[in-house]
Amino acid sequence: MKILFLIFLFLFSCSSSKNTLPPIEVRDLAGREVKLSSLKGSNVVLYVWSKTCVGHTKDLKRLRELVVEHPDYRVISYAIAMDVEDVKKSYQELNIEPNFMTLVDTAVKFNDYFPITFLPSTYIFDKRGKLVASYPGLPLSF
């Protein structure tokens, strides 16, 4: 009986690992709270950037194209270490009208679950919310 319990405990801990969309709350551009884990049920492309990172300008413009090219994915711009107004201002300066969801993580909570090594970076999650790939920058294809 103890062995069955240990097997169950092991399987449960593996399925609830840190390799899934985390239960952190961030804000969208309207200021509403969004829990990242609520995106489960959709394939997700999470493009993580900050105003100070190199390359984000062309990548943010490319996100608009990804929405059209990959309708089976939820394409998300995920701004870190900025507030909602900073992100809106960045979009204005870059002349970008997003057709994708934008989430703002002022406190960089995402880093607690997925240490950010490169900025910008892209994280791809499947419908179960499980991380399936990550890339420095924005990949040309996925």
Protein backbone atom coordinates (compact mmCIF):
# COMPACT_ATOMS: atom_id res chain seq x y z
CA MET A 1 0.00 0.00 0.00
CA LYS A 2 2.86 2.38 0.82
CA ILE A 3 4.39 1.70 -2.58
CA LEU A 4 1.13 2.63 -4.34
CA PHE A 5 0.96 5.84 -2.32
CA LEU A 6 4.57 6.73 -3.22
CA ILE A 7 3.92 6.04 -6.91
CA PHE A 8 0.81 8.23 -6.81
CA LEU A 9 2.73 11.00 -5.03
CA PHE A 10 5.52 10.84 -7.61
CA LEU A 11 3.12 10.94 -10.56
CA PHE A 12 1.18 13.83 -9.04
CA SER A 13 4.32 15.84 -8.40
CA CYS A 14 5.50 15.28 -11.99
CA SER A 15 2.18 16.39 -13.47
CA SER A 16 2.06 19.58 -11.42
CA SER A 17 5.63 20.61 -12.12
CA LYS A 18 6.89 24.07 -12.84
CA ASN A 19 6.80 23.25 -16.56
CA THR A 20 3.23 24.50 -16.91
CA LEU A 21 1.63 27.90 -17.22
CA PRO A 22 2.10 29.40 -13.77
CA PRO A 23 -0.76 30.59 -11.54
CA ILE A 24 0.54 34.16 -11.43
CA GLU A 25 -1.69 37.18 -11.94
CA VAL A 26 -0.69 39.94 -14.32
CA ARG A 27 -2.59 42.74 -16.07
CA ASP A 28 -3.80 43.21 -19.61
CA LEU A 29 -3.73 46.60 -21.36
CA ALA A 30 -7.17 47.45 -19.96
CA GLY A 31 -5.81 46.94 -16.44
CA ARG A 32 -7.78 43.72 -15.81
CA GLU A 33 -6.13 40.92 -13.87
CA VAL A 34 -5.38 37.78 -15.87
CA LYS A 35 -4.11 34.53 -14.37
CA LEU A 36 -1.61 32.91 -16.73
CA SER A 37 -2.83 29.43 -15.84
CA SER A 38 -6.29 30.43 -17.16
CA LEU A 39 -4.83 30.21 -20.67
CA LYS A 40 -4.79 26.42 -20.46
CA GLY A 41 -7.01 24.95 -23.14
CA SER A 42 -5.24 26.92 -25.88
CA ASN A 43 -1.87 26.54 -27.52
CA VAL A 44 0.06 29.61 -26.37
CA VAL A 45 2.98 31.54 -27.82
CA LEU A 46 4.27 33.80 -25.05
CA TYR A 47 6.72 36.43 -26.31
CA VAL A 48 8.55 37.88 -23.29
CA TRP A 49 10.15 41.30 -23.74
CA SER A 50 11.06 44.55 -22.07
CA LYS A 51 11.58 48.02 -23.46
CA THR A 52 15.34 47.74 -22.93
CA CYS A 53 15.89 44.49 -24.85
CA VAL A 54 17.39 44.49 -28.32
CA GLY A 55 15.27 43.17 -31.18
CA HIS A 56 11.84 43.60 -29.66
CA THR A 57 10.73 46.20 -32.24
CA LYS A 58 10.76 43.88 -35.25
CA ASP A 59 9.52 40.96 -33.15
CA LEU A 60 6.48 42.87 -31.88
CA LYS A 61 5.60 43.79 -35.45
CA ARG A 62 6.03 40.13 -36.45
CA LEU A 63 3.60 39.04 -33.70
CA ARG A 64 0.78 40.61 -35.76
CA GLU A 65 1.65 38.25 -38.62
CA LEU A 66 1.87 35.21 -36.33
CA VAL A 67 -1.73 35.74 -35.24
CA VAL A 68 -2.81 35.31 -38.87
CA GLU A 69 -0.35 32.54 -39.75
CA HIS A 70 -1.14 30.45 -36.65
CA PRO A 71 -4.84 30.80 -35.81
CA ASP A 72 -4.58 27.66 -33.66
CA TYR A 73 -2.27 29.51 -31.24
CA ARG A 74 -2.97 32.29 -28.80
CA VAL A 75 -0.20 34.81 -29.46
CA ILE A 76 0.66 36.90 -26.41
CA SER A 77 3.01 39.81 -25.93
CA TYR A 78 4.30 39.53 -22.36
CA ALA A 79 5.98 42.73 -21.16
CA ILE A 80 8.14 42.53 -18.04
CA ALA A 81 9.51 45.22 -15.73
CA MET A 82 7.12 47.77 -17.25
CA ASP A 83 3.68 49.05 -16.34
CA VAL A 84 0.61 49.19 -18.56
CA GLU A 85 1.19 52.82 -19.56
CA ASP A 86 4.83 52.08 -20.51
CA VAL A 87 3.67 49.29 -22.81
CA LYS A 88 0.98 51.44 -24.43
CA LYS A 89 3.56 54.17 -24.98
CA SER A 90 6.00 51.66 -26.53
CA TYR A 91 3.32 50.46 -28.95
CA GLN A 92 2.56 54.08 -29.92
CA GLU A 93 6.24 54.91 -30.45
CA LEU A 94 6.66 51.78 -32.60
CA ASN A 95 3.40 52.45 -34.46
CA ILE A 96 2.00 49.05 -33.49
CA GLU A 97 -1.70 48.34 -33.15
CA PRO A 98 -1.76 44.91 -31.51
CA ASN A 99 -4.11 42.23 -32.79
CA PHE A 100 -2.73 39.99 -30.03
CA MET A 101 -3.22 39.88 -26.29
CA THR A 102 -0.74 41.87 -24.23
CA LEU A 103 0.01 41.02 -20.62
CA VAL A 104 2.11 43.13 -18.29
CA ASP A 105 4.22 41.61 -15.51
CA THR A 106 5.55 44.61 -13.60
CA ALA A 107 7.23 42.51 -10.88
CA VAL A 108 8.69 39.93 -13.33
CA LYS A 109 6.86 37.08 -11.55
CA PHE A 110 7.29 34.86 -14.61
CA ASN A 111 11.00 34.57 -13.79
CA ASP A 112 10.11 32.69 -10.58
CA TYR A 113 8.77 29.83 -12.71
CA PHE A 114 10.83 30.11 -15.88
CA PRO A 115 14.19 31.83 -15.31
CA ILE A 116 14.57 34.34 -18.12
CA THR A 117 18.01 33.91 -19.64
CA PHE A 118 17.49 35.93 -22.83
CA LEU A 119 15.42 39.00 -23.59
CA PRO A 120 13.44 38.81 -25.67
CA SER A 121 12.44 35.14 -25.38
CA THR A 122 9.57 33.00 -26.60
CA TYR A 123 7.86 30.21 -24.66
CA ILE A 124 5.40 27.83 -26.31
CA PHE A 125 2.81 25.96 -24.26
CA ASP A 126 0.43 23.24 -25.43
CA LYS A 127 -3.29 23.07 -24.64
CA ARG A 128 -2.57 21.41 -21.29
CA GLY A 129 -0.48 24.45 -20.36
CA LYS A 130 2.74 22.41 -20.56
CA LEU A 131 5.90 24.08 -21.84
CA VAL A 132 6.91 22.40 -25.11
CA ALA A 133 9.63 24.78 -26.34
CA SER A 134 11.49 27.98 -25.55
CA TYR A 135 13.70 30.14 -27.73
CA PRO A 136 15.85 33.24 -27.44
CA GLY A 137 14.11 35.95 -29.44
CA LEU A 138 11.15 35.14 -31.69
CA PRO A 139 11.59 32.00 -33.81
CA LEU A 140 10.89 32.19 -37.54
CA SER A 141 8.72 29.09 -37.22
CA PHE A 142 7.49 26.74 -34.54
